[in-house]
Amino acid sequence: QAKDSDDDDEVTVSVDRDHFMDEFFEQVEEIRGFIDKISENVEEVKRKHSAILASPNPDEKTKEELEELMSDIKKTANKVRSKLKSIEQSIEQEEGLNRSSADLRIRKTQV
């Protein structure tokens, strides 16, 4: 449904999204949050590496923190990977049913 007023060149388009698209966009936001967390952890790893390299005798605490960060990055990356796989599989199922809806095309381009 689109409205066009004669006064200006603005066109307003309202899109009716169903529950599935809301759920999809929530998943996308969750994945973005995980990716942001990975980025933050990578920056922290860089700082830890610099501290270790700059110190003639790096302490064990810094090394342990580095290991924890690396482990956290791996866990978060695995979560992202599994969530993306899940979305990809749901898209393939939709395609298998020969559905050619707008939300399917949106999901396909987002993944």
Protein backbone atom coordinates (compact mmCIF):
# COMPACT_ATOMS: atom_id res chain seq x y z
CA GLN A 1 0.00 0.00 0.00
CA ALA A 2 1.57 3.29 -1.07
CA LYS A 3 0.37 6.83 -0.52
CA ASP A 4 1.48 9.71 -2.68
CA SER A 5 0.53 13.25 -1.75
CA ASP A 6 0.34 16.00 -4.34
CA ASP A 7 2.18 18.48 -2.10
CA ASP A 8 5.60 16.84 -2.18
CA ASP A 9 7.53 14.02 -3.80
CA GLU A 10 7.56 11.75 -0.73
CA VAL A 11 6.12 8.29 -1.10
CA THR A 12 5.28 6.28 2.00
CA VAL A 13 5.22 2.52 1.69
CA SER A 14 3.94 0.39 4.52
CA VAL A 15 5.07 -3.21 4.56
CA ASP A 16 3.11 -5.83 6.46
CA ARG A 17 5.63 -8.20 7.96
CA ASP A 18 4.49 -11.47 9.35
CA HIS A 19 5.75 -13.11 12.53
CA PHE A 20 8.41 -15.06 10.65
CA MET A 21 10.14 -11.94 9.34
CA ASP A 22 10.19 -10.45 12.84
CA GLU A 23 11.80 -13.65 14.09
CA PHE A 24 14.29 -13.56 11.21
CA PHE A 25 15.30 -9.97 11.95
CA GLU A 26 15.72 -10.88 15.64
CA GLN A 27 18.08 -13.66 14.58
CA VAL A 28 20.02 -11.23 12.39
CA GLU A 29 20.37 -8.79 15.29
CA GLU A 30 21.53 -11.59 17.58
CA ILE A 31 24.16 -12.63 15.03
CA ARG A 32 25.31 -9.02 14.68
CA GLY A 33 25.68 -8.84 18.45
CA PHE A 34 27.84 -11.97 18.41
CA ILE A 35 29.99 -10.52 15.63
CA ASP A 36 30.42 -7.28 17.61
CA LYS A 37 31.48 -9.35 20.62
CA ILE A 38 34.05 -11.17 18.47
CA SER A 39 35.41 -7.82 17.23
CA GLU A 40 35.76 -6.53 20.78
CA ASN A 41 37.53 -9.71 21.85
CA VAL A 42 39.89 -9.53 18.88
CA GLU A 43 40.85 -5.98 19.89
CA GLU A 44 41.48 -7.20 23.43
CA VAL A 45 43.62 -10.06 22.07
CA LYS A 46 45.69 -7.49 20.16
CA ARG A 47 46.25 -5.54 23.38
CA LYS A 48 47.22 -8.70 25.28
CA HIS A 49 49.62 -9.74 22.52
CA SER A 50 51.24 -6.31 22.59
CA ALA A 51 51.58 -6.49 26.37
CA ILE A 52 53.15 -9.94 26.16
CA LEU A 53 55.56 -8.91 23.41
CA ALA A 54 56.53 -5.68 25.19
CA SER A 55 57.28 -7.40 28.47
CA PRO A 56 60.57 -9.27 28.93
CA ASN A 57 58.83 -11.53 31.47
CA PRO A 58 55.11 -11.75 30.64
CA ASP A 59 53.05 -12.85 33.61
CA GLU A 60 50.96 -16.00 33.57
CA LYS A 61 47.77 -14.05 34.30
CA THR A 62 48.01 -12.21 30.97
CA LYS A 63 48.61 -15.48 29.14
CA GLU A 64 45.61 -17.08 30.86
CA GLU A 65 43.42 -14.09 29.97
CA LEU A 66 44.61 -14.41 26.38
CA GLU A 67 43.67 -18.10 26.33
CA GLU A 68 40.23 -17.28 27.77
CA LEU A 69 39.68 -14.64 25.09
CA MET A 70 40.72 -17.02 22.33
CA SER A 71 38.36 -19.67 23.71
CA ASP A 72 35.52 -17.15 23.91
CA ILE A 73 36.15 -16.06 20.31
CA LYS A 74 35.97 -19.68 19.14
CA LYS A 75 32.75 -20.36 21.07
CA THR A 76 31.09 -17.20 19.75
CA ALA A 77 32.23 -17.94 16.19
CA ASN A 78 30.72 -21.42 16.46
CA LYS A 79 27.42 -19.89 17.64
CA VAL A 80 27.43 -17.53 14.63
CA ARG A 81 28.24 -20.40 12.29
CA SER A 82 25.44 -22.61 13.65
CA LYS A 83 22.87 -19.80 13.55
CA LEU A 84 23.79 -18.96 9.94
CA LYS A 85 23.56 -22.65 9.02
CA SER A 86 20.13 -22.83 10.64
CA ILE A 87 18.90 -19.83 8.66
CA GLU A 88 20.41 -21.26 5.49
CA GLN A 89 18.63 -24.60 6.03
CA SER A 90 15.28 -22.89 6.58
CA ILE A 91 15.78 -20.99 3.32
CA GLU A 92 16.59 -24.24 1.49
CA GLN A 93 13.42 -25.83 2.93
CA GLU A 94 11.34 -22.89 1.71
CA GLU A 95 12.92 -23.17 -1.73
CA GLY A 96 12.20 -26.91 -1.72
CA LEU A 97 8.53 -26.08 -1.30
CA ASN A 98 8.82 -23.81 -4.36
CA ARG A 99 7.72 -20.76 -2.44
CA SER A 100 8.77 -17.58 -4.14
CA SER A 101 7.75 -14.98 -1.60
CA ALA A 102 9.29 -11.60 -0.90
CA ASP A 103 10.38 -12.61 2.60
CA LEU A 104 12.24 -15.62 1.17
CA ARG A 105 14.15 -13.34 -1.22
CA ILE A 106 14.92 -10.94 1.63
CA ARG A 107 16.24 -13.73 3.85
CA LYS A 108 18.28 -15.18 1.01
CA THR A 109 20.05 -11.89 0.29
CA GLN A 110 20.70 -11.26 3.99
CA VAL A 111 22.45 -14.60 4.50
